[in-house]
Amino acid sequence: MVLVLSIVGVVSGGALVGVYKYAEPRIEENKKREIRQAIFEVLPGAKSYEVITKDSQLIYKGLDSSGNLVGYAFIGEGAGYQGKIEVMIGVDSVLDKTTGIQILESIETPGLGAKITLEPFRDQFRELLVLPFVELVKGKTKESNQIQAITGATISSQAVVDILNKTIKEVREK
């Protein structure tokens, strides 16, 4: 019985390693493609980009067809209600307004927290003033630096706002 279990364990482990080695390059390529698409989504008007590395943070410098600076995009991440949320953030060239966000990774509650990936929530982050910081409100927004929380998903909404504020502050300091 021990011999049979050992053989089954070795074969199963070998199969998992084989599948992982086969799938890993494809997963990485899909991740790169998703990031490329997100950069152009959060930086409307950008036709190309350059990658800048500052203190292990990748910053994507968006350029229009003439080579003029459109804005910057970068990835922020933090804890949501159920797990990690990863957000591509686009800002204008002077880092005072957002140009958009794109959720790259989220495992929030389906039907509630998962609404952070939908357009009505994401559209609030276009032309949003980030100075001094972005605020989350539960009612109607009154200021140009406020967004409305998703009903029933305040924690997920707040997580996105916290990620945005923290990441923009870090990029400004670099």
N, C-alpha and C. Protein backbone atom coordinates (compact mmCIF):
# COMPACT_ATOMS: atom_id res chain seq x y z
N MET A 1 0.82 -1.19 0.00
CA MET A 1 0.00 0.00 0.00
C MET A 1 0.88 1.27 0.00
N VAL A 2 1.95 1.26 0.77
CA VAL A 2 2.86 2.40 0.82
C VAL A 2 3.50 2.62 -0.55
N LEU A 3 3.88 1.54 -1.20
CA LEU A 3 4.50 1.64 -2.53
C LEU A 3 3.51 2.25 -3.54
N VAL A 4 2.27 1.82 -3.52
CA VAL A 4 1.26 2.34 -4.44
C VAL A 4 1.02 3.83 -4.19
N LEU A 5 0.88 4.21 -2.91
CA LEU A 5 0.68 5.63 -2.59
C LEU A 5 1.89 6.48 -2.99
N SER A 6 3.07 5.95 -2.80
CA SER A 6 4.28 6.68 -3.20
C SER A 6 4.32 6.89 -4.71
N ILE A 7 4.00 5.86 -5.46
CA ILE A 7 4.00 5.97 -6.93
C ILE A 7 2.95 6.97 -7.38
N VAL A 8 1.76 6.90 -6.80
CA VAL A 8 0.69 7.85 -7.15
C VAL A 8 1.13 9.27 -6.82
N GLY A 9 1.77 9.46 -5.67
CA GLY A 9 2.25 10.79 -5.28
C GLY A 9 3.30 11.33 -6.23
N VAL A 10 4.27 10.50 -6.62
CA VAL A 10 5.33 10.92 -7.54
C VAL A 10 4.75 11.25 -8.91
N VAL A 11 3.85 10.41 -9.41
CA VAL A 11 3.24 10.66 -10.72
C VAL A 11 2.40 11.94 -10.68
N SER A 12 1.62 12.13 -9.63
CA SER A 12 0.79 13.34 -9.51
C SER A 12 1.66 14.59 -9.42
N GLY A 13 2.71 14.53 -8.60
CA GLY A 13 3.63 15.67 -8.47
C GLY A 13 4.30 15.99 -9.79
N GLY A 14 4.74 14.95 -10.49
CA GLY A 14 5.37 15.15 -11.81
C GLY A 14 4.41 15.77 -12.81
N ALA A 15 3.16 15.32 -12.78
CA ALA A 15 2.15 15.88 -13.69
C ALA A 15 1.91 17.36 -13.38
N LEU A 16 1.84 17.71 -12.11
CA LEU A 16 1.64 19.12 -11.74
C LEU A 16 2.82 19.99 -12.19
N VAL A 17 4.03 19.49 -12.02
CA VAL A 17 5.21 20.24 -12.46
C VAL A 17 5.20 20.42 -13.97
N GLY A 18 4.84 19.37 -14.69
CA GLY A 18 4.78 19.44 -16.15
C GLY A 18 3.76 20.45 -16.64
N VAL A 19 2.58 20.44 -16.05
CA VAL A 19 1.52 21.39 -16.43
C VAL A 19 1.96 22.81 -16.10
N TYR A 20 2.57 23.00 -14.96
CA TYR A 20 3.04 24.33 -14.57
C TYR A 20 4.08 24.86 -15.55
N LYS A 21 5.07 24.03 -15.88
CA LYS A 21 6.11 24.46 -16.83
C LYS A 21 5.53 24.75 -18.21
N TYR A 22 4.52 24.02 -18.61
CA TYR A 22 3.86 24.26 -19.89
C TYR A 22 3.05 25.56 -19.86
N ALA A 23 2.35 25.82 -18.78
CA ALA A 23 1.43 26.96 -18.70
C ALA A 23 2.11 28.27 -18.31
N GLU A 24 3.23 28.23 -17.60
CA GLU A 24 3.85 29.45 -17.08
C GLU A 24 4.18 30.48 -18.15
N PRO A 25 4.81 30.13 -19.28
CA PRO A 25 5.10 31.15 -20.29
C PRO A 25 3.83 31.79 -20.87
N ARG A 26 2.79 30.99 -21.01
CA ARG A 26 1.53 31.52 -21.54
C ARG A 26 0.86 32.46 -20.55
N ILE A 27 0.94 32.13 -19.28
CA ILE A 27 0.38 33.00 -18.25
C ILE A 27 1.12 34.33 -18.23
N GLU A 28 2.43 34.29 -18.32
CA GLU A 28 3.23 35.52 -18.33
C GLU A 28 2.92 36.38 -19.56
N GLU A 29 2.79 35.76 -20.72
CA GLU A 29 2.47 36.50 -21.95
C GLU A 29 1.09 37.14 -21.85
N ASN A 30 0.11 36.42 -21.30
CA ASN A 30 -1.22 36.98 -21.12
C ASN A 30 -1.20 38.15 -20.14
N LYS A 31 -0.41 38.05 -19.10
CA LYS A 31 -0.28 39.13 -18.11
C LYS A 31 0.32 40.38 -18.78
N LYS A 32 1.35 40.20 -19.61
CA LYS A 32 1.96 41.34 -20.31
C LYS A 32 0.97 41.98 -21.28
N ARG A 33 0.19 41.16 -21.98
CA ARG A 33 -0.80 41.69 -22.91
C ARG A 33 -1.89 42.47 -22.16
N GLU A 34 -2.31 41.95 -21.01
CA GLU A 34 -3.31 42.63 -20.19
C GLU A 34 -2.80 43.98 -19.69
N ILE A 35 -1.55 44.04 -19.31
CA ILE A 35 -0.95 45.30 -18.85
C ILE A 35 -0.87 46.29 -20.00
N ARG A 36 -0.44 45.84 -21.18
CA ARG A 36 -0.39 46.73 -22.36
C ARG A 36 -1.76 47.32 -22.66
N GLN A 37 -2.79 46.48 -22.68
CA GLN A 37 -4.14 46.96 -22.95
C GLN A 37 -4.60 47.94 -21.88
N ALA A 38 -4.28 47.66 -20.62
CA ALA A 38 -4.69 48.54 -19.52
C ALA A 38 -4.01 49.90 -19.62
N ILE A 39 -2.76 49.95 -20.06
CA ILE A 39 -2.06 51.23 -20.20
C ILE A 39 -2.80 52.12 -21.18
N PHE A 40 -3.17 51.57 -22.33
CA PHE A 40 -3.87 52.38 -23.33
C PHE A 40 -5.30 52.70 -22.91
N GLU A 41 -5.88 51.87 -22.06
CA GLU A 41 -7.22 52.14 -21.54
C GLU A 41 -7.21 53.32 -20.56
N VAL A 42 -6.21 53.37 -19.68
CA VAL A 42 -6.17 54.43 -18.67
C VAL A 42 -5.50 55.70 -19.16
N LEU A 43 -4.84 55.64 -20.31
CA LEU A 43 -4.21 56.83 -20.89
C LEU A 43 -4.80 57.09 -22.28
N PRO A 44 -6.04 57.61 -22.33
CA PRO A 44 -6.63 57.88 -23.64
C PRO A 44 -5.76 58.88 -24.41
N GLY A 45 -5.55 58.61 -25.64
CA GLY A 45 -4.72 59.49 -26.46
C GLY A 45 -3.30 58.98 -26.60
N ALA A 46 -2.90 58.04 -25.78
CA ALA A 46 -1.55 57.47 -25.88
C ALA A 46 -1.50 56.48 -27.04
N LYS A 47 -0.45 56.58 -27.84
CA LYS A 47 -0.24 55.66 -28.95
C LYS A 47 0.93 54.72 -28.69
N SER A 48 1.81 55.12 -27.77
CA SER A 48 2.94 54.28 -27.38
C SER A 48 3.31 54.63 -25.94
N TYR A 49 4.24 53.87 -25.40
CA TYR A 49 4.69 54.16 -24.04
C TYR A 49 6.13 53.74 -23.85
N GLU A 50 6.75 54.35 -22.86
CA GLU A 50 8.10 53.99 -22.44
C GLU A 50 8.01 53.51 -21.00
N VAL A 51 8.88 52.59 -20.63
CA VAL A 51 8.89 52.07 -19.27
C VAL A 51 10.01 52.74 -18.49
N ILE A 52 9.65 53.29 -17.34
CA ILE A 52 10.61 53.90 -16.43
C ILE A 52 10.59 53.07 -15.15
N THR A 53 11.76 52.76 -14.62
CA THR A 53 11.85 52.02 -13.35
C THR A 53 12.43 52.94 -12.29
N LYS A 54 11.66 53.15 -11.22
CA LYS A 54 12.13 53.97 -10.10
C LYS A 54 11.90 53.18 -8.83
N ASP A 55 12.98 52.84 -8.15
CA ASP A 55 12.90 52.10 -6.90
C ASP A 55 12.01 50.86 -7.02
N SER A 56 12.23 50.06 -8.01
CA SER A 56 11.52 48.81 -8.33
C SER A 56 10.05 49.02 -8.70
N GLN A 57 9.62 50.26 -8.89
CA GLN A 57 8.26 50.57 -9.36
C GLN A 57 8.32 50.83 -10.86
N LEU A 58 7.49 50.12 -11.62
CA LEU A 58 7.42 50.36 -13.06
C LEU A 58 6.42 51.48 -13.32
N ILE A 59 6.87 52.49 -14.04
CA ILE A 59 6.01 53.62 -14.41
C ILE A 59 6.01 53.67 -15.93
N TYR A 60 4.81 53.69 -16.50
CA TYR A 60 4.66 53.71 -17.95
C TYR A 60 4.36 55.13 -18.38
N LYS A 61 5.23 55.68 -19.20
CA LYS A 61 5.12 57.06 -19.69
C LYS A 61 4.39 57.01 -21.03
N GLY A 62 3.14 57.48 -21.06
CA GLY A 62 2.33 57.44 -22.26
C GLY A 62 2.63 58.58 -23.20
N LEU A 63 2.80 58.27 -24.49
CA LEU A 63 3.15 59.26 -25.50
C LEU A 63 2.12 59.24 -26.62
N ASP A 64 1.82 60.43 -27.18
CA ASP A 64 0.91 60.48 -28.32
C ASP A 64 1.68 60.18 -29.60
N SER A 65 1.03 60.28 -30.76
CA SER A 65 1.68 59.93 -32.03
C SER A 65 2.84 60.85 -32.38
N SER A 66 2.89 62.05 -31.79
CA SER A 66 4.00 62.98 -32.03
C SER A 66 5.13 62.83 -31.02
N GLY A 67 4.95 61.94 -30.05
CA GLY A 67 5.98 61.76 -29.02
C GLY A 67 5.80 62.65 -27.82
N ASN A 68 4.68 63.38 -27.75
CA ASN A 68 4.42 64.26 -26.61
C ASN A 68 3.85 63.46 -25.44
N LEU A 69 4.18 63.90 -24.24
CA LEU A 69 3.73 63.22 -23.03
C LEU A 69 2.22 63.38 -22.84
N VAL A 70 1.52 62.25 -22.67
CA VAL A 70 0.08 62.25 -22.42
C VAL A 70 -0.18 62.11 -20.93
N GLY A 71 0.60 61.27 -20.27
CA GLY A 71 0.44 61.02 -18.85
C GLY A 71 1.25 59.81 -18.43
N TYR A 72 0.99 59.38 -17.21
CA TYR A 72 1.72 58.24 -16.66
C TYR A 72 0.72 57.17 -16.21
N ALA A 73 1.14 55.93 -16.28
CA ALA A 73 0.34 54.82 -15.77
C ALA A 73 1.25 53.96 -14.89
N PHE A 74 0.68 53.43 -13.85
CA PHE A 74 1.43 52.57 -12.94
C PHE A 74 0.46 51.64 -12.23
N ILE A 75 1.01 50.57 -11.68
CA ILE A 75 0.20 49.56 -11.02
C ILE A 75 0.27 49.76 -9.51
N GLY A 76 -0.90 49.75 -8.88
CA GLY A 76 -0.98 49.79 -7.43
C GLY A 76 -1.70 48.54 -6.95
N GLU A 77 -1.35 48.10 -5.77
CA GLU A 77 -2.04 46.94 -5.23
C GLU A 77 -2.21 47.07 -3.73
N GLY A 78 -3.21 46.39 -3.23
CA GLY A 78 -3.51 46.41 -1.81
C GLY A 78 -4.56 45.38 -1.48
N ALA A 79 -4.92 45.34 -0.21
CA ALA A 79 -5.89 44.36 0.26
C ALA A 79 -7.30 44.86 0.04
N GLY A 80 -8.14 43.99 -0.48
CA GLY A 80 -9.56 44.27 -0.62
C GLY A 80 -10.32 43.52 0.45
N TYR A 81 -11.60 43.29 0.23
CA TYR A 81 -12.42 42.58 1.21
C TYR A 81 -12.03 41.10 1.29
N GLN A 82 -11.78 40.48 0.15
CA GLN A 82 -11.48 39.05 0.15
C GLN A 82 -10.06 38.70 -0.29
N GLY A 83 -9.33 39.64 -0.79
CA GLY A 83 -7.98 39.33 -1.26
C GLY A 83 -7.35 40.54 -1.91
N LYS A 84 -6.28 40.28 -2.64
CA LYS A 84 -5.52 41.35 -3.27
C LYS A 84 -6.29 41.97 -4.43
N ILE A 85 -6.19 43.31 -4.50
CA ILE A 85 -6.72 44.05 -5.65
C ILE A 85 -5.52 44.71 -6.31
N GLU A 86 -5.42 44.55 -7.63
CA GLU A 86 -4.35 45.15 -8.41
C GLU A 86 -4.99 46.09 -9.42
N VAL A 87 -4.54 47.35 -9.43
CA VAL A 87 -5.18 48.39 -10.23
C VAL A 87 -4.13 49.09 -11.10
N MET A 88 -4.44 49.25 -12.40
CA MET A 88 -3.63 50.11 -13.27
C MET A 88 -4.22 51.51 -13.14
N ILE A 89 -3.40 52.47 -12.79
CA ILE A 89 -3.83 53.85 -12.54
C ILE A 89 -3.22 54.75 -13.60
N GLY A 90 -4.04 55.56 -14.23
CA GLY A 90 -3.56 56.54 -15.20
C GLY A 90 -3.72 57.94 -14.64
N VAL A 91 -2.68 58.76 -14.77
CA VAL A 91 -2.73 60.15 -14.31
C VAL A 91 -2.20 61.06 -15.41
N ASP A 92 -2.56 62.33 -15.34
CA ASP A 92 -2.08 63.28 -16.34
C ASP A 92 -0.60 63.57 -16.12
N SER A 93 -0.03 64.39 -16.97
CA SER A 93 1.42 64.62 -16.95
C SER A 93 1.93 65.35 -15.72
N VAL A 94 1.06 66.05 -14.99
CA VAL A 94 1.50 66.75 -13.78
C VAL A 94 1.07 66.05 -12.49
N LEU A 95 0.50 64.87 -12.62
CA LEU A 95 0.10 64.02 -11.50
C LEU A 95 -0.94 64.68 -10.58
N ASP A 96 -1.86 65.45 -11.15
CA ASP A 96 -2.89 66.03 -10.29
C ASP A 96 -4.31 65.56 -10.62
N LYS A 97 -4.49 64.87 -11.76
CA LYS A 97 -5.80 64.31 -12.12
C LYS A 97 -5.62 62.91 -12.67
N THR A 98 -6.60 62.06 -12.37
CA THR A 98 -6.57 60.72 -12.95
C THR A 98 -7.14 60.78 -14.36
N THR A 99 -6.67 59.87 -15.18
CA THR A 99 -7.22 59.73 -16.53
C THR A 99 -8.03 58.46 -16.65
N GLY A 100 -7.95 57.61 -15.62
CA GLY A 100 -8.74 56.38 -15.59
C GLY A 100 -8.07 55.32 -14.76
N ILE A 101 -8.83 54.27 -14.46
CA ILE A 101 -8.27 53.10 -13.78
C ILE A 101 -8.77 51.85 -14.49
N GLN A 102 -8.04 50.78 -14.31
CA GLN A 102 -8.44 49.47 -14.83
C GLN A 102 -8.08 48.45 -13.76
N ILE A 103 -9.03 47.63 -13.35
CA ILE A 103 -8.76 46.60 -12.35
C ILE A 103 -8.11 45.42 -13.06
N LEU A 104 -6.88 45.10 -12.66
CA LEU A 104 -6.15 43.99 -13.27
C LEU A 104 -6.42 42.67 -12.56
N GLU A 105 -6.59 42.74 -11.24
CA GLU A 105 -6.81 41.51 -10.48
C GLU A 105 -7.70 41.82 -9.29
N SER A 106 -8.69 40.97 -9.08
CA SER A 106 -9.61 41.14 -7.96
C SER A 106 -10.37 39.84 -7.74
N ILE A 107 -10.53 39.47 -6.47
CA ILE A 107 -11.36 38.31 -6.14
C ILE A 107 -12.44 38.73 -5.14
N GLU A 108 -12.99 39.91 -5.37
CA GLU A 108 -14.03 40.42 -4.48
C GLU A 108 -15.33 39.65 -4.67
N THR A 109 -16.25 39.82 -3.75
CA THR A 109 -17.52 39.09 -3.75
C THR A 109 -18.28 39.31 -5.05
N PRO A 110 -18.64 38.22 -5.75
CA PRO A 110 -19.42 38.36 -6.99
C PRO A 110 -20.75 39.05 -6.70
N GLY A 111 -21.11 40.00 -7.56
CA GLY A 111 -22.38 40.72 -7.39
C GLY A 111 -22.31 41.93 -6.49
N LEU A 112 -21.28 42.02 -5.64
CA LEU A 112 -21.13 43.18 -4.76
C LEU A 112 -19.78 43.85 -5.02
N GLY A 113 -18.74 43.35 -4.34
CA GLY A 113 -17.42 43.94 -4.48
C GLY A 113 -16.86 43.84 -5.89
N ALA A 114 -17.32 42.85 -6.64
CA ALA A 114 -16.85 42.68 -8.02
C ALA A 114 -17.30 43.83 -8.91
N LYS A 115 -18.23 44.66 -8.43
CA LYS A 115 -18.69 45.81 -9.21
C LYS A 115 -17.60 46.85 -9.40
N ILE A 116 -16.48 46.73 -8.67
CA ILE A 116 -15.38 47.67 -8.88
C ILE A 116 -14.79 47.52 -10.27
N THR A 117 -15.04 46.40 -10.93
CA THR A 117 -14.51 46.18 -12.28
C THR A 117 -15.43 46.73 -13.37
N LEU A 118 -16.63 47.15 -13.00
CA LEU A 118 -17.61 47.62 -13.99
C LEU A 118 -17.42 49.10 -14.31
N GLU A 119 -17.86 49.49 -15.50
CA GLU A 119 -17.68 50.85 -15.98
C GLU A 119 -18.29 51.94 -15.10
N PRO A 120 -19.50 51.77 -14.55
CA PRO A 120 -20.04 52.87 -13.73
C PRO A 120 -19.11 53.26 -12.58
N PHE A 121 -18.46 52.31 -11.96
CA PHE A 121 -17.52 52.64 -10.88
C PHE A 121 -16.23 53.20 -11.45
N ARG A 122 -15.67 52.53 -12.46
CA ARG A 122 -14.39 52.96 -13.04
C ARG A 122 -14.47 54.34 -13.68
N ASP A 123 -15.63 54.67 -14.28
CA ASP A 123 -15.78 55.97 -14.95
C ASP A 123 -15.68 57.15 -13.98
N GLN A 124 -15.92 56.91 -12.71
CA GLN A 124 -15.79 57.97 -11.71
C GLN A 124 -14.33 58.45 -11.59
N PHE A 125 -13.40 57.65 -12.06
CA PHE A 125 -11.98 57.96 -11.93
C PHE A 125 -11.42 58.69 -13.15
N ARG A 126 -12.26 59.15 -14.03
CA ARG A 126 -11.79 59.96 -15.16
C ARG A 126 -11.86 61.43 -14.77
N GLU A 127 -10.75 62.13 -14.96
CA GLU A 127 -10.66 63.55 -14.61
C GLU A 127 -10.94 63.80 -13.13
N LEU A 128 -10.53 62.88 -12.28
CA LEU A 128 -10.72 62.99 -10.85
C LEU A 128 -9.51 63.69 -10.24
N LEU A 129 -9.75 64.75 -9.51
CA LEU A 129 -8.67 65.49 -8.87
C LEU A 129 -8.09 64.65 -7.74
N VAL A 130 -6.78 64.49 -7.68
CA VAL A 130 -6.14 63.66 -6.66
C VAL A 130 -5.40 64.47 -5.61
N LEU A 131 -5.54 65.79 -5.67
CA LEU A 131 -4.91 66.65 -4.67
C LEU A 131 -5.97 67.19 -3.73
N PRO A 132 -5.90 67.13 -2.44
CA PRO A 132 -4.80 66.49 -1.71
C PRO A 132 -4.89 64.97 -1.76
N PHE A 133 -6.10 64.42 -1.86
CA PHE A 133 -6.28 62.98 -2.01
C PHE A 133 -7.72 62.70 -2.44
N VAL A 134 -7.97 61.47 -2.87
CA VAL A 134 -9.30 61.06 -3.30
C VAL A 134 -10.10 60.63 -2.08
N GLU A 135 -11.36 61.04 -2.03
CA GLU A 135 -12.24 60.67 -0.92
C GLU A 135 -13.37 59.79 -1.43
N LEU A 136 -13.84 58.90 -0.56
CA LEU A 136 -14.98 58.05 -0.85
C LEU A 136 -16.17 58.57 -0.05
N VAL A 137 -17.30 58.77 -0.71
CA VAL A 137 -18.51 59.21 -0.04
C VAL A 137 -19.62 58.21 -0.31
N LYS A 138 -20.55 58.12 0.64
CA LYS A 138 -21.65 57.16 0.48
C LYS A 138 -22.85 57.77 -0.22
N GLY A 139 -22.91 59.07 -0.32
CA GLY A 139 -24.02 59.72 -1.02
C GLY A 139 -23.53 60.33 -2.33
N LYS A 140 -24.17 61.42 -2.70
CA LYS A 140 -23.78 62.14 -3.92
C LYS A 140 -22.44 62.84 -3.72
N THR A 141 -21.64 62.85 -4.76
CA THR A 141 -20.36 63.55 -4.69
C THR A 141 -20.59 65.05 -4.86
N LYS A 142 -19.81 65.83 -4.09
CA LYS A 142 -19.94 67.29 -4.15
C LYS A 142 -18.65 67.96 -4.59
N GLU A 143 -17.55 67.26 -4.45
CA GLU A 143 -16.24 67.82 -4.77
C GLU A 143 -15.63 67.06 -5.94
N SER A 144 -14.64 67.67 -6.58
CA SER A 144 -14.01 67.04 -7.75
C SER A 144 -12.97 65.99 -7.37
N ASN A 145 -12.80 65.74 -6.07
CA ASN A 145 -11.90 64.68 -5.64
C ASN A 145 -12.65 63.56 -4.90
N GLN A 146 -13.95 63.46 -5.14
CA GLN A 146 -14.77 62.46 -4.46
C GLN A 146 -15.36 61.47 -5.46
N ILE A 147 -15.48 60.22 -4.99
CA ILE A 147 -16.20 59.21 -5.76
C ILE A 147 -17.27 58.60 -4.86
N GLN A 148 -18.29 58.06 -5.48
CA GLN A 148 -19.39 57.45 -4.75
C GLN A 148 -19.11 55.97 -4.53
N ALA A 149 -19.31 55.52 -3.30
CA ALA A 149 -19.10 54.12 -2.95
C ALA A 149 -20.17 53.25 -3.59
N ILE A 150 -19.82 52.00 -3.84
CA ILE A 150 -20.78 51.03 -4.34
C ILE A 150 -21.62 50.56 -3.16
N THR A 151 -22.92 50.63 -3.29
CA THR A 151 -23.81 50.19 -2.21
C THR A 151 -23.58 48.71 -1.92
N GLY A 152 -23.32 48.39 -0.67
CA GLY A 152 -23.08 47.01 -0.27
C GLY A 152 -21.64 46.56 -0.45
N ALA A 153 -20.81 47.42 -0.98
CA ALA A 153 -19.41 47.07 -1.22
C ALA A 153 -18.49 48.22 -0.83
N THR A 154 -18.77 48.80 0.32
CA THR A 154 -17.98 49.95 0.78
C THR A 154 -16.52 49.57 1.00
N ILE A 155 -16.27 48.38 1.51
CA ILE A 155 -14.89 47.98 1.79
C ILE A 155 -14.10 47.85 0.49
N SER A 156 -14.68 47.26 -0.53
CA SER A 156 -14.00 47.13 -1.82
C SER A 156 -13.78 48.51 -2.45
N SER A 157 -14.79 49.38 -2.37
CA SER A 157 -14.66 50.73 -2.91
C SER A 157 -13.56 51.49 -2.19
N GLN A 158 -13.54 51.39 -0.86
CA GLN A 158 -12.52 52.07 -0.07
C GLN A 158 -11.14 51.52 -0.37
N ALA A 159 -11.05 50.21 -0.60
CA ALA A 159 -9.76 49.60 -0.93
C ALA A 159 -9.19 50.20 -2.21
N VAL A 160 -10.02 50.38 -3.23
CA VAL A 160 -9.55 50.97 -4.49
C VAL A 160 -9.07 52.40 -4.25
N VAL A 161 -9.81 53.17 -3.48
CA VAL A 161 -9.43 54.56 -3.18
C VAL A 161 -8.12 54.58 -2.40
N ASP A 162 -7.97 53.69 -1.42
CA ASP A 162 -6.74 53.63 -0.63
C ASP A 162 -5.54 53.26 -1.50
N ILE A 163 -5.73 52.30 -2.40
CA ILE A 163 -4.66 51.90 -3.31
C ILE A 163 -4.26 53.08 -4.19
N LEU A 164 -5.25 53.79 -4.71
CA LEU A 164 -5.01 54.94 -5.57
C LEU A 164 -4.22 56.01 -4.82
N ASN A 165 -4.69 56.40 -3.64
CA ASN A 165 -4.02 57.45 -2.86
C ASN A 165 -2.60 57.06 -2.48
N LYS A 166 -2.41 55.82 -2.02
CA LYS A 166 -1.09 55.36 -1.60
C LYS A 166 -0.12 55.33 -2.78
N THR A 167 -0.56 54.78 -3.90
CA THR A 167 0.33 54.62 -5.05
C THR A 167 0.70 55.96 -5.66
N ILE A 168 -0.27 56.86 -5.80
CA ILE A 168 0.04 58.18 -6.36
C ILE A 168 1.01 58.93 -5.46
N LYS A 169 0.82 58.82 -4.15
CA LYS A 169 1.74 59.47 -3.20
C LYS A 169 3.16 58.92 -3.37
N GLU A 170 3.28 57.59 -3.49
CA GLU A 170 4.58 56.97 -3.67
C GLU A 170 5.24 57.42 -4.97
N VAL A 171 4.48 57.49 -6.06
CA VAL A 171 5.04 57.90 -7.36
C VAL A 171 5.48 59.36 -7.30
N ARG A 172 4.70 60.21 -6.66
CA ARG A 172 5.07 61.62 -6.54
C ARG A 172 6.39 61.79 -5.79
N GLU A 173 6.61 60.97 -4.78
CA GLU A 173 7.81 61.09 -3.95
C GLU A 173 9.05 60.59 -4.67
N LYS A 174 8.87 59.85 -5.77
CA LYS A 174 10.04 59.31 -6.50
C LYS A 174 10.52 60.29 -7.45
